[in-house]
PDB file of all heavy atoms in Angstrom:
ATOM      1  N   VAL A   1      69.877-143.583 -37.922  1.00  0.00           N
ATOM      2  CA  VAL A   1      70.815-143.696 -39.023  1.00  0.00           C
ATOM      3  C   VAL A   1      71.768-142.492 -39.115  1.00  0.00           C
ATOM      4  O   VAL A   1      72.949-142.634 -39.159  1.00  0.00           O
ATOM      5  CB  VAL A   1      70.049-143.861 -40.371  1.00  0.00           C
ATOM      6  CG1 VAL A   1      71.013-143.828 -41.526  1.00  0.00           C
ATOM      7  CG2 VAL A   1      69.226-145.144 -40.352  1.00  0.00           C
ATOM      8  N   ALA A   2      71.153-141.301 -39.083  1.00  0.00           N
ATOM      9  CA  ALA A   2      71.945-140.055 -39.202  1.00  0.00           C
ATOM     10  C   ALA A   2      71.137-138.928 -38.575  1.00  0.00           C
ATOM     11  O   ALA A   2      69.911-138.998 -38.554  1.00  0.00           O
ATOM     12  CB  ALA A   2      72.262-139.729 -40.649  1.00  0.00           C
ATOM     13  N   SER A   3      71.848-137.910 -38.129  1.00  0.00           N
ATOM     14  CA  SER A   3      71.098-136.861 -37.380  1.00  0.00           C
ATOM     15  C   SER A   3      71.838-135.566 -37.453  1.00  0.00           C
ATOM     16  O   SER A   3      73.035-135.483 -37.793  1.00  0.00           O
ATOM     17  CB  SER A   3      70.880-137.235 -35.938  1.00  0.00           C
ATOM     18  OG  SER A   3      72.154-137.399 -35.257  1.00  0.00           O
ATOM     19  N   ILE A   4      71.143-134.462 -37.205  1.00  0.00           N
ATOM     20  CA  ILE A   4      71.714-133.130 -37.064  1.00  0.00           C
ATOM     21  C   ILE A   4      71.196-132.573 -35.736  1.00  0.00           C
ATOM     22  O   ILE A   4      69.988-132.541 -35.490  1.00  0.00           O
ATOM     23  CB  ILE A   4      71.246-132.206 -38.225  1.00  0.00           C
ATOM     24  CG1 ILE A   4      71.737-132.713 -39.556  1.00  0.00           C
ATOM     25  CG2 ILE A   4      71.738-130.804 -37.971  1.00  0.00           C
ATOM     26  CD1 ILE A   4      71.216-131.935 -40.750  1.00  0.00           C
ATOM     27  N   THR A   5      72.133-132.235 -34.857  1.00  0.00           N
ATOM     28  CA  THR A   5      71.797-131.677 -33.563  1.00  0.00           C
ATOM     29  C   THR A   5      72.509-130.348 -33.399  1.00  0.00           C
ATOM     30  O   THR A   5      73.713-130.307 -33.517  1.00  0.00           O
ATOM     31  CB  THR A   5      72.231-132.612 -32.438  1.00  0.00           C
ATOM     32  OG1 THR A   5      71.640-133.921 -32.652  1.00  0.00           O
ATOM     33  CG2 THR A   5      71.781-132.050 -31.065  1.00  0.00           C
ATOM     34  N   ASN A   6      71.755-129.310 -33.147  1.00  0.00           N
ATOM     35  CA  ASN A   6      72.304-127.987 -33.042  1.00  0.00           C
ATOM     36  C   ASN A   6      73.219-127.617 -34.229  1.00  0.00           C
ATOM     37  O   ASN A   6      74.267-127.017 -34.065  1.00  0.00           O
ATOM     38  CB  ASN A   6      73.085-127.836 -31.742  1.00  0.00           C
ATOM     39  CG  ASN A   6      72.193-127.842 -30.543  1.00  0.00           C
ATOM     40  OD1 ASN A   6      71.036-127.373 -30.585  1.00  0.00           O
ATOM     41  ND2 ASN A   6      72.679-128.439 -29.422  1.00  0.00           N
ATOM     42  N   GLY A   7      72.816-128.076 -35.394  1.00  0.00           N
ATOM     43  CA  GLY A   7      73.548-127.719 -36.598  1.00  0.00           C
ATOM     44  C   GLY A   7      74.633-128.684 -37.020  1.00  0.00           C
ATOM     45  O   GLY A   7      75.275-128.557 -38.071  1.00  0.00           O
ATOM     46  N   ASP A   8      75.043-129.617 -36.095  1.00  0.00           N
ATOM     47  CA  ASP A   8      76.099-130.548 -36.398  1.00  0.00           C
ATOM     48  C   ASP A   8      75.554-131.880 -36.897  1.00  0.00           C
ATOM     49  O   ASP A   8      74.750-132.487 -36.185  1.00  0.00           O
ATOM     50  CB  ASP A   8      76.974-130.820 -35.104  1.00  0.00           C
ATOM     51  CG  ASP A   8      77.684-129.575 -34.689  1.00  0.00           C
ATOM     52  OD1 ASP A   8      78.128-128.811 -35.550  1.00  0.00           O
ATOM     53  OD2 ASP A   8      77.899-129.422 -33.473  1.00  0.00           O
ATOM     54  N   SER A   9      75.959-132.230 -38.058  1.00  0.00           N
ATOM     55  CA  SER A   9      75.445-133.473 -38.660  1.00  0.00           C
ATOM     56  C   SER A   9      76.427-134.645 -38.412  1.00  0.00           C
ATOM     57  O   SER A   9      77.638-134.428 -38.312  1.00  0.00           O
ATOM     58  CB  SER A   9      75.216-133.286 -40.168  1.00  0.00           C
ATOM     59  OG  SER A   9      76.466-133.022 -40.791  1.00  0.00           O
ATOM     60  N   ARG A  10      75.847-135.814 -38.350  1.00  0.00           N
ATOM     61  CA  ARG A  10      76.690-137.008 -38.188  1.00  0.00           C
ATOM     62  C   ARG A  10      75.951-138.225 -38.667  1.00  0.00           C
ATOM     63  O   ARG A  10      74.732-138.267 -38.745  1.00  0.00           O
ATOM     64  CB  ARG A  10      77.092-137.161 -36.715  1.00  0.00           C
ATOM     65  CG  ARG A  10      75.879-137.479 -35.792  1.00  0.00           C
ATOM     66  CD  ARG A  10      76.302-137.561 -34.380  1.00  0.00           C
ATOM     67  NE  ARG A  10      75.211-137.989 -33.535  1.00  0.00           N
ATOM     68  CZ  ARG A  10      75.295-138.027 -32.172  1.00  0.00           C
ATOM     69  NH1 ARG A  10      76.388-137.640 -31.553  1.00  0.00           N
ATOM     70  NH2 ARG A  10      74.228-138.444 -31.496  1.00  0.00           N
ATOM     71  N   SER A  11      76.744-139.280 -38.965  1.00  0.00           N
ATOM     72  CA  SER A  11      76.147-140.569 -39.255  1.00  0.00           C
ATOM     73  C   SER A  11      76.183-141.397 -37.979  1.00  0.00           C
ATOM     74  O   SER A  11      77.254-141.609 -37.394  1.00  0.00           O
ATOM     75  CB  SER A  11      77.000-141.316 -40.308  1.00  0.00           C
ATOM     76  OG  SER A  11      76.932-140.599 -41.545  1.00  0.00           O
ATOM     77  N   ASP A  12      75.016-141.783 -37.499  1.00  0.00           N
ATOM     78  CA  ASP A  12      74.963-142.417 -36.197  1.00  0.00           C
ATOM     79  C   ASP A  12      75.092-143.947 -36.272  1.00  0.00           C
ATOM     80  O   ASP A  12      75.466-144.573 -35.272  1.00  0.00           O
ATOM     81  CB  ASP A  12      73.621-142.084 -35.546  1.00  0.00           C
ATOM     82  CG  ASP A  12      73.524-140.658 -35.171  1.00  0.00           C
ATOM     83  OD1 ASP A  12      73.065-139.831 -36.022  1.00  0.00           O
ATOM     84  OD2 ASP A  12      73.946-140.271 -34.038  1.00  0.00           O
ATOM     85  N   SER A  13      74.884-144.472 -37.434  1.00  0.00           N
ATOM     86  CA  SER A  13      74.994-145.920 -37.600  1.00  0.00           C
ATOM     87  C   SER A  13      76.314-146.239 -38.259  1.00  0.00           C
ATOM     88  O   SER A  13      76.611-145.725 -39.306  1.00  0.00           O
ATOM     89  CB  SER A  13      73.836-146.442 -38.443  1.00  0.00           C
ATOM     90  OG  SER A  13      74.037-147.803 -38.743  1.00  0.00           O
ATOM     91  N   LYS A  14      77.107-147.147 -37.665  1.00  0.00           N
ATOM     92  CA  LYS A  14      78.372-147.504 -38.257  1.00  0.00           C
ATOM     93  C   LYS A  14      78.210-148.137 -39.616  1.00  0.00           C
ATOM     94  O   LYS A  14      79.063-147.989 -40.479  1.00  0.00           O
ATOM     95  CB  LYS A  14      79.099-148.501 -37.372  1.00  0.00           C
ATOM     96  CG  LYS A  14      79.595-147.962 -36.042  1.00  0.00           C
ATOM     97  CD  LYS A  14      80.316-148.964 -35.259  1.00  0.00           C
ATOM     98  CE  LYS A  14      80.787-148.388 -33.879  1.00  0.00           C
ATOM     99  NZ  LYS A  14      81.520-149.409 -33.080  1.00  0.00           N
ATOM    100  N   SER A  15      77.058-148.761 -39.845  1.00  0.00           N
ATOM    101  CA  SER A  15      76.825-149.489 -41.099  1.00  0.00           C
ATOM    102  C   SER A  15      76.646-148.532 -42.270  1.00  0.00           C
ATOM    103  O   SER A  15      76.708-148.965 -43.421  1.00  0.00           O
ATOM    104  CB  SER A  15      75.642-150.410 -40.960  1.00  0.00           C
ATOM    105  OG  SER A  15      74.452-149.729 -40.750  1.00  0.00           O
ATOM    106  N   VAL A  16      76.384-147.244 -41.983  1.00  0.00           N
ATOM    107  CA  VAL A  16      76.128-146.338 -43.131  1.00  0.00           C
ATOM    108  C   VAL A  16      77.207-145.266 -43.273  1.00  0.00           C
ATOM    109  O   VAL A  16      77.111-144.423 -44.163  1.00  0.00           O
ATOM    110  CB  VAL A  16      74.741-145.598 -42.989  1.00  0.00           C
ATOM    111  CG1 VAL A  16      73.647-146.677 -42.792  1.00  0.00           C
ATOM    112  CG2 VAL A  16      74.784-144.632 -41.842  1.00  0.00           C
ATOM    113  N   LYS A  17      78.181-145.259 -42.413  1.00  0.00           N
ATOM    114  CA  LYS A  17      79.271-144.244 -42.481  1.00  0.00           C
ATOM    115  C   LYS A  17      79.926-144.295 -43.819  1.00  0.00           C
ATOM    116  O   LYS A  17      80.278-145.379 -44.303  1.00  0.00           O
ATOM    117  CB  LYS A  17      80.274-144.465 -41.358  1.00  0.00           C
ATOM    118  CG  LYS A  17      79.801-143.993 -39.996  1.00  0.00           C
ATOM    119  CD  LYS A  17      80.918-144.028 -38.978  1.00  0.00           C
ATOM    120  CE  LYS A  17      80.369-143.713 -37.606  1.00  0.00           C
ATOM    121  NZ  LYS A  17      79.850-142.344 -37.477  1.00  0.00           N
ATOM    122  N   GLY A  18      80.098-143.145 -44.431  1.00  0.00           N
ATOM    123  CA  GLY A  18      80.686-143.071 -45.710  1.00  0.00           C
ATOM    124  C   GLY A  18      79.791-143.308 -46.882  1.00  0.00           C
ATOM    125  O   GLY A  18      80.128-143.095 -48.038  1.00  0.00           O
ATOM    126  N   ARG A  19      78.560-143.730 -46.604  1.00  0.00           N
ATOM    127  CA  ARG A  19      77.567-144.001 -47.616  1.00  0.00           C
ATOM    128  C   ARG A  19      76.353-143.031 -47.576  1.00  0.00           C
ATOM    129  O   ARG A  19      75.786-142.677 -48.561  1.00  0.00           O
ATOM    130  CB  ARG A  19      77.065-145.429 -47.551  1.00  0.00           C
ATOM    131  CG  ARG A  19      78.204-146.458 -47.743  1.00  0.00           C
ATOM    132  CD  ARG A  19      77.648-147.874 -47.900  1.00  0.00           C
ATOM    133  NE  ARG A  19      76.935-148.304 -46.746  1.00  0.00           N
ATOM    134  CZ  ARG A  19      75.678-148.688 -46.766  1.00  0.00           C
ATOM    135  NH1 ARG A  19      75.012-148.700 -47.904  1.00  0.00           N
ATOM    136  NH2 ARG A  19      75.069-149.113 -45.655  1.00  0.00           N
ATOM    137  N   PHE A  20      75.877-142.745 -46.362  1.00  0.00           N
ATOM    138  CA  PHE A  20      74.717-141.924 -46.197  1.00  0.00           C
ATOM    139  C   PHE A  20      75.119-140.546 -45.624  1.00  0.00           C
ATOM    140  O   PHE A  20      75.997-140.445 -44.739  1.00  0.00           O
ATOM    141  CB  PHE A  20      73.757-142.573 -45.147  1.00  0.00           C
ATOM    142  CG  PHE A  20      73.060-143.849 -45.595  1.00  0.00           C
ATOM    143  CD1 PHE A  20      73.470-144.533 -46.738  1.00  0.00           C
ATOM    144  CD2 PHE A  20      72.039-144.340 -44.884  1.00  0.00           C
ATOM    145  CE1 PHE A  20      72.845-145.648 -47.123  1.00  0.00           C
ATOM    146  CE2 PHE A  20      71.351-145.493 -45.249  1.00  0.00           C
ATOM    147  CZ  PHE A  20      71.827-146.186 -46.401  1.00  0.00           C
ATOM    148  N   THR A  21      74.422-139.523 -46.097  1.00  0.00           N
ATOM    149  CA  THR A  21      74.648-138.164 -45.656  1.00  0.00           C
ATOM    150  C   THR A  21      73.352-137.451 -45.372  1.00  0.00           C
ATOM    151  O   THR A  21      72.481-137.452 -46.215  1.00  0.00           O
ATOM    152  CB  THR A  21      75.472-137.391 -46.709  1.00  0.00           C
ATOM    153  OG1 THR A  21      76.689-138.065 -47.042  1.00  0.00           O
ATOM    154  CG2 THR A  21      75.833-135.998 -46.182  1.00  0.00           C
ATOM    155  N   ILE A  22      73.294-136.806 -44.208  1.00  0.00           N
ATOM    156  CA  ILE A  22      72.075-136.026 -43.881  1.00  0.00           C
ATOM    157  C   ILE A  22      72.355-134.561 -44.102  1.00  0.00           C
ATOM    158  O   ILE A  22      73.511-134.107 -43.881  1.00  0.00           O
ATOM    159  CB  ILE A  22      71.669-136.251 -42.404  1.00  0.00           C
ATOM    160  CG1 ILE A  22      70.334-135.596 -42.103  1.00  0.00           C
ATOM    161  CG2 ILE A  22      72.737-135.812 -41.410  1.00  0.00           C
ATOM    162  CD1 ILE A  22      69.767-135.948 -40.741  1.00  0.00           C
ATOM    163  N   SER A  23      71.379-133.839 -44.626  1.00  0.00           N
ATOM    164  CA  SER A  23      71.611-132.424 -44.910  1.00  0.00           C
ATOM    165  C   SER A  23      70.217-131.749 -44.885  1.00  0.00           C
ATOM    166  O   SER A  23      69.196-132.405 -44.754  1.00  0.00           O
ATOM    167  CB  SER A  23      72.248-132.186 -46.266  1.00  0.00           C
ATOM    168  OG  SER A  23      71.436-132.681 -47.310  1.00  0.00           O
ATOM    169  N   THR A  24      70.218-130.435 -45.042  1.00  0.00           N
ATOM    170  CA  THR A  24      68.971-129.701 -45.082  1.00  0.00           C
ATOM    171  C   THR A  24      68.990-128.633 -46.165  1.00  0.00           C
ATOM    172  O   THR A  24      70.106-128.315 -46.731  1.00  0.00           O
ATOM    173  CB  THR A  24      68.633-129.021 -43.787  1.00  0.00           C
ATOM    174  OG1 THR A  24      69.431-127.813 -43.639  1.00  0.00           O
ATOM    175  CG2 THR A  24      68.894-129.876 -42.574  1.00  0.00           C
ATOM    176  N   ASP A  25      67.846-128.046 -46.438  1.00  0.00           N
ATOM    177  CA  ASP A  25      67.820-126.881 -47.419  1.00  0.00           C
ATOM    178  C   ASP A  25      67.774-125.587 -46.654  1.00  0.00           C
ATOM    179  O   ASP A  25      67.513-124.521 -47.253  1.00  0.00           O
ATOM    180  CB  ASP A  25      66.639-127.021 -48.369  1.00  0.00           C
ATOM    181  CG  ASP A  25      65.312-126.874 -47.673  1.00  0.00           C
ATOM    182  OD1 ASP A  25      65.267-126.779 -46.391  1.00  0.00           O
ATOM    183  OD2 ASP A  25      64.273-126.815 -48.382  1.00  0.00           O
ATOM    184  N   ASN A  26      67.940-125.647 -45.358  1.00  0.00           N
ATOM    185  CA  ASN A  26      67.938-124.488 -44.456  1.00  0.00           C
ATOM    186  C   ASN A  26      66.537-123.774 -44.408  1.00  0.00           C
ATOM    187  O   ASN A  26      66.473-122.631 -43.906  1.00  0.00           O
ATOM    188  CB  ASN A  26      68.978-123.449 -44.854  1.00  0.00           C
ATOM    189  CG  ASN A  26      70.382-123.989 -44.581  1.00  0.00           C
ATOM    190  OD1 ASN A  26      70.584-124.719 -43.615  1.00  0.00           O
ATOM    191  ND2 ASN A  26      71.336-123.616 -45.423  1.00  0.00           N
ATOM    192  N   VAL A  27      65.523-124.496 -44.859  1.00  0.00           N
ATOM    193  CA  VAL A  27      64.186-123.886 -44.832  1.00  0.00           C
ATOM    194  C   VAL A  27      63.213-124.879 -44.191  1.00  0.00           C
ATOM    195  O   VAL A  27      62.844-124.727 -43.044  1.00  0.00           O
ATOM    196  CB  VAL A  27      63.653-123.476 -46.254  1.00  0.00           C
ATOM    197  CG1 VAL A  27      62.299-122.799 -46.124  1.00  0.00           C
ATOM    198  CG2 VAL A  27      64.703-122.572 -46.924  1.00  0.00           C
ATOM    199  N   HIS A  28      62.797-125.894 -44.950  1.00  0.00           N
ATOM    200  CA  HIS A  28      61.810-126.823 -44.448  1.00  0.00           C
ATOM    201  C   HIS A  28      62.176-128.292 -44.605  1.00  0.00           C
ATOM    202  O   HIS A  28      61.436-129.148 -44.108  1.00  0.00           O
ATOM    203  CB  HIS A  28      60.471-126.622 -45.121  1.00  0.00           C
ATOM    204  CG  HIS A  28      59.801-125.329 -44.810  1.00  0.00           C
ATOM    205  ND1 HIS A  28      59.136-125.098 -43.584  1.00  0.00           N
ATOM    206  CD2 HIS A  28      59.592-124.187 -45.509  1.00  0.00           C
ATOM    207  CE1 HIS A  28      58.649-123.896 -43.588  1.00  0.00           C
ATOM    208  NE2 HIS A  28      58.919-123.319 -44.698  1.00  0.00           N
ATOM    209  N   THR A  29      63.252-128.583 -45.314  1.00  0.00           N
ATOM    210  CA  THR A  29      63.428-129.960 -45.802  1.00  0.00           C
ATOM    211  C   THR A  29      64.723-130.594 -45.216  1.00  0.00           C
ATOM    212  O   THR A  29      65.739-129.930 -45.249  1.00  0.00           O
ATOM    213  CB  THR A  29      63.446-130.060 -47.316  1.00  0.00           C
ATOM    214  OG1 THR A  29      62.303-129.480 -47.827  1.00  0.00           O
ATOM    215  CG2 THR A  29      63.492-131.518 -47.753  1.00  0.00           C
ATOM    216  N   VAL A  30      64.604-131.814 -44.776  1.00  0.00           N
ATOM    217  CA  VAL A  30      65.771-132.612 -44.345  1.00  0.00           C
ATOM    218  C   VAL A  30      65.964-133.731 -45.336  1.00  0.00           C
ATOM    219  O   VAL A  30      64.986-134.397 -45.664  1.00  0.00           O
ATOM    220  CB  VAL A  30      65.524-133.215 -42.908  1.00  0.00           C
ATOM    221  CG1 VAL A  30      66.762-133.942 -42.460  1.00  0.00           C
ATOM    222  CG2 VAL A  30      65.134-132.116 -41.927  1.00  0.00           C
ATOM    223  N   TYR A  31      67.162-133.920 -45.798  1.00  0.00           N
ATOM    224  CA  TYR A  31      67.405-134.954 -46.809  1.00  0.00           C
ATOM    225  C   TYR A  31      68.293-136.080 -46.185  1.00  0.00           C
ATOM    226  O   TYR A  31      69.002-135.850 -45.224  1.00  0.00           O
ATOM    227  CB  TYR A  31      68.203-134.339 -47.997  1.00  0.00           C
ATOM    228  CG  TYR A  31      67.479-133.246 -48.690  1.00  0.00           C
ATOM    229  CD1 TYR A  31      67.884-131.922 -48.518  1.00  0.00           C
ATOM    230  CD2 TYR A  31      66.476-133.523 -49.581  1.00  0.00           C
ATOM    231  CE1 TYR A  31      67.244-130.915 -49.219  1.00  0.00           C
ATOM    232  CE2 TYR A  31      65.824-132.523 -50.240  1.00  0.00           C
ATOM    233  CZ  TYR A  31      66.231-131.214 -50.030  1.00  0.00           C
ATOM    234  OH  TYR A  31      65.545-130.197 -50.741  1.00  0.00           O
ATOM    235  N   LEU A  32      68.166-137.252 -46.794  1.00  0.00           N
ATOM    236  CA  LEU A  32      69.102-138.360 -46.523  1.00  0.00           C
ATOM    237  C   LEU A  32      69.557-138.857 -47.874  1.00  0.00           C
ATOM    238  O   LEU A  32      68.781-139.479 -48.550  1.00  0.00           O
ATOM    239  CB  LEU A  32      68.468-139.439 -45.711  1.00  0.00           C
ATOM    240  CG  LEU A  32      69.398-140.575 -45.333  1.00  0.00           C
ATOM    241  CD1 LEU A  32      70.472-140.067 -44.289  1.00  0.00           C
ATOM    242  CD2 LEU A  32      68.659-141.755 -44.687  1.00  0.00           C
ATOM    243  N   GLN A  33      70.779-138.540 -48.206  1.00  0.00           N
ATOM    244  CA  GLN A  33      71.398-139.073 -49.456  1.00  0.00           C
ATOM    245  C   GLN A  33      71.977-140.431 -49.169  1.00  0.00           C
ATOM    246  O   GLN A  33      72.835-140.532 -48.255  1.00  0.00           O
ATOM    247  CB  GLN A  33      72.444-138.143 -49.974  1.00  0.00           C
ATOM    248  CG  GLN A  33      73.143-138.609 -51.242  1.00  0.00           C
ATOM    249  CD  GLN A  33      72.206-138.620 -52.432  1.00  0.00           C
ATOM    250  OE1 GLN A  33      71.440-137.728 -52.658  1.00  0.00           O
ATOM    251  NE2 GLN A  33      72.326-139.720 -53.196  1.00  0.00           N
ATOM    252  N   MET A  34      71.531-141.403 -49.859  1.00  0.00           N
ATOM    253  CA  MET A  34      72.003-142.814 -49.651  1.00  0.00           C
ATOM    254  C   MET A  34      72.690-143.307 -50.885  1.00  0.00           C
ATOM    255  O   MET A  34      72.034-143.397 -51.959  1.00  0.00           O
ATOM    256  CB  MET A  34      70.791-143.703 -49.284  1.00  0.00           C
ATOM    257  CG  MET A  34      69.992-143.191 -48.107  1.00  0.00           C
ATOM    258  SD  MET A  34      68.703-144.275 -47.573  1.00  0.00           S
ATOM    259  CE  MET A  34      67.587-144.282 -49.033  1.00  0.00           C
ATOM    260  N   ASN A  35      73.960-143.625 -50.791  1.00  0.00           N
ATOM    261  CA  ASN A  35      74.754-144.133 -51.871  1.00  0.00           C
ATOM    262  C   ASN A  35      75.203-145.551 -51.600  1.00  0.00           C
ATOM    263  O   ASN A  35      75.242-146.000 -50.431  1.00  0.00           O
ATOM    264  CB  ASN A  35      75.967-143.245 -52.152  1.00  0.00           C
ATOM    265  CG  ASN A  35      75.529-141.836 -52.528  1.00  0.00           C
ATOM    266  OD1 ASN A  35      74.561-141.592 -53.156  1.00  0.00           O
ATOM    267  ND2 ASN A  35      76.338-140.873 -52.080  1.00  0.00           N
ATOM    268  N   SER A  36      75.630-146.243 -52.610  1.00  0.00           N
ATOM    269  CA  SER A  36      76.153-147.587 -52.471  1.00  0.00           C
ATOM    270  C   SER A  36      75.238-148.513 -51.621  1.00  0.00           C
ATOM    271  O   SER A  36      75.640-149.150 -50.718  1.00  0.00           O
ATOM    272  CB  SER A  36      77.552-147.563 -51.841  1.00  0.00           C
ATOM    273  OG  SER A  36      78.457-146.774 -52.591  1.00  0.00           O
ATOM    274  N   LEU A  37      73.961-148.446 -51.968  1.00  0.00           N
ATOM    275  CA  LEU A  37      73.000-149.144 -51.206  1.00  0.00           C
ATOM    276  C   LEU A  37      73.181-150.629 -51.233  1.00  0.00           C
ATOM    277  O   LEU A  37      73.592-151.237 -52.282  1.00  0.00           O
ATOM    278  CB  LEU A  37      71.562-148.806 -51.676  1.00  0.00           C
ATOM    279  CG  LEU A  37      71.083-147.423 -51.193  1.00  0.00           C
ATOM    280  CD1 LEU A  37      69.939-146.911 -52.070  1.00  0.00           C
ATOM    281  CD2 LEU A  37      70.676-147.489 -49.746  1.00  0.00           C
ATOM    282  N   LYS A  38      72.878-151.273 -50.090  1.00  0.00           N
ATOM    283  CA  LYS A  38      73.030-152.741 -49.950  1.00  0.00           C
ATOM    284  C   LYS A  38      71.669-153.322 -49.550  1.00  0.00           C
ATOM    285  O   LYS A  38      70.800-152.621 -49.063  1.00  0.00           O
ATOM    286  CB  LYS A  38      73.987-153.015 -48.792  1.00  0.00           C
ATOM    287  CG  LYS A  38      75.356-152.348 -48.957  1.00  0.00           C
ATOM    288  CD  LYS A  38      76.224-152.608 -47.750  1.00  0.00           C
ATOM    289  CE  LYS A  38      77.573-151.926 -47.874  1.00  0.00           C
ATOM    290  NZ  LYS A  38      78.465-152.145 -46.689  1.00  0.00           N
ATOM    291  N   PRO A  39      71.465-154.588 -49.834  1.00  0.00           N
ATOM    292  CA  PRO A  39      70.212-155.259 -49.438  1.00  0.00           C
ATOM    293  C   PRO A  39      69.901-155.051 -47.975  1.00  0.00           C
ATOM    294  O   PRO A  39      68.682-154.926 -47.660  1.00  0.00           O
ATOM    295  CB  PRO A  39      70.440-156.729 -49.800  1.00  0.00           C
ATOM    296  CG  PRO A  39      71.429-156.676 -50.920  1.00  0.00           C
ATOM    297  CD  PRO A  39      72.317-155.509 -50.588  1.00  0.00           C
ATOM    298  N   GLU A  40      70.910-155.026 -47.125  1.00  0.00           N
ATOM    299  CA  GLU A  40      70.605-154.833 -45.680  1.00  0.00           C
ATOM    300  C   GLU A  40      70.167-153.434 -45.326  1.00  0.00           C
ATOM    301  O   GLU A  40      69.784-153.186 -44.161  1.00  0.00           O
ATOM    302  CB  GLU A  40      71.874-155.234 -44.857  1.00  0.00           C
ATOM    303  CG  GLU A  40      73.148-154.562 -45.304  1.00  0.00           C
ATOM    304  CD  GLU A  40      73.979-155.419 -46.211  1.00  0.00           C
ATOM    305  OE1 GLU A  40      73.370-156.091 -47.109  1.00  0.00           O
ATOM    306  OE2 GLU A  40      75.195-155.449 -46.013  1.00  0.00           O
ATOM    307  N   ASP A  41      70.175-152.522 -46.276  1.00  0.00           N
ATOM    308  CA  ASP A  41      69.617-151.170 -46.055  1.00  0.00           C
ATOM    309  C   ASP A  41      68.090-151.160 -46.244  1.00  0.00           C
ATOM    310  O   ASP A  41      67.448-150.138 -45.987  1.00  0.00           O
ATOM    311  CB  ASP A  41      70.239-150.148 -47.044  1.00  0.00           C
ATOM    312  CG  ASP A  41      71.708-149.976 -46.750  1.00  0.00           C
ATOM    313  OD1 ASP A  41      72.148-149.896 -45.596  1.00  0.00           O
ATOM    314  OD2 ASP A  41      72.493-149.856 -47.777  1.00  0.00           O
ATOM    315  N   THR A  42      67.550-152.265 -46.684  1.00  0.00           N
ATOM    316  CA  THR A  42      66.083-152.364 -46.857  1.00  0.00           C
ATOM    317  C   THR A  42      65.361-152.145 -45.573  1.00  0.00           C
ATOM    318  O   THR A  42      65.667-152.823 -44.551  1.00  0.00           O
ATOM    319  CB  THR A  42      65.722-153.710 -47.432  1.00  0.00           C
ATOM    320  OG1 THR A  42      66.242-153.828 -48.757  1.00  0.00           O
ATOM    321  CG2 THR A  42      64.210-153.884 -47.524  1.00  0.00           C
TER     322      THR A  42
END
């Protein structure tokens, strides 16, 4: 769906571009913020 490689983040799935964002807290946690969710995101 989304990934961070060598510090560069991206949305890997076309179906989530503009809706899902990957990020980190720079310590231990990786987040996936999901907005405008659709039934097909189940």
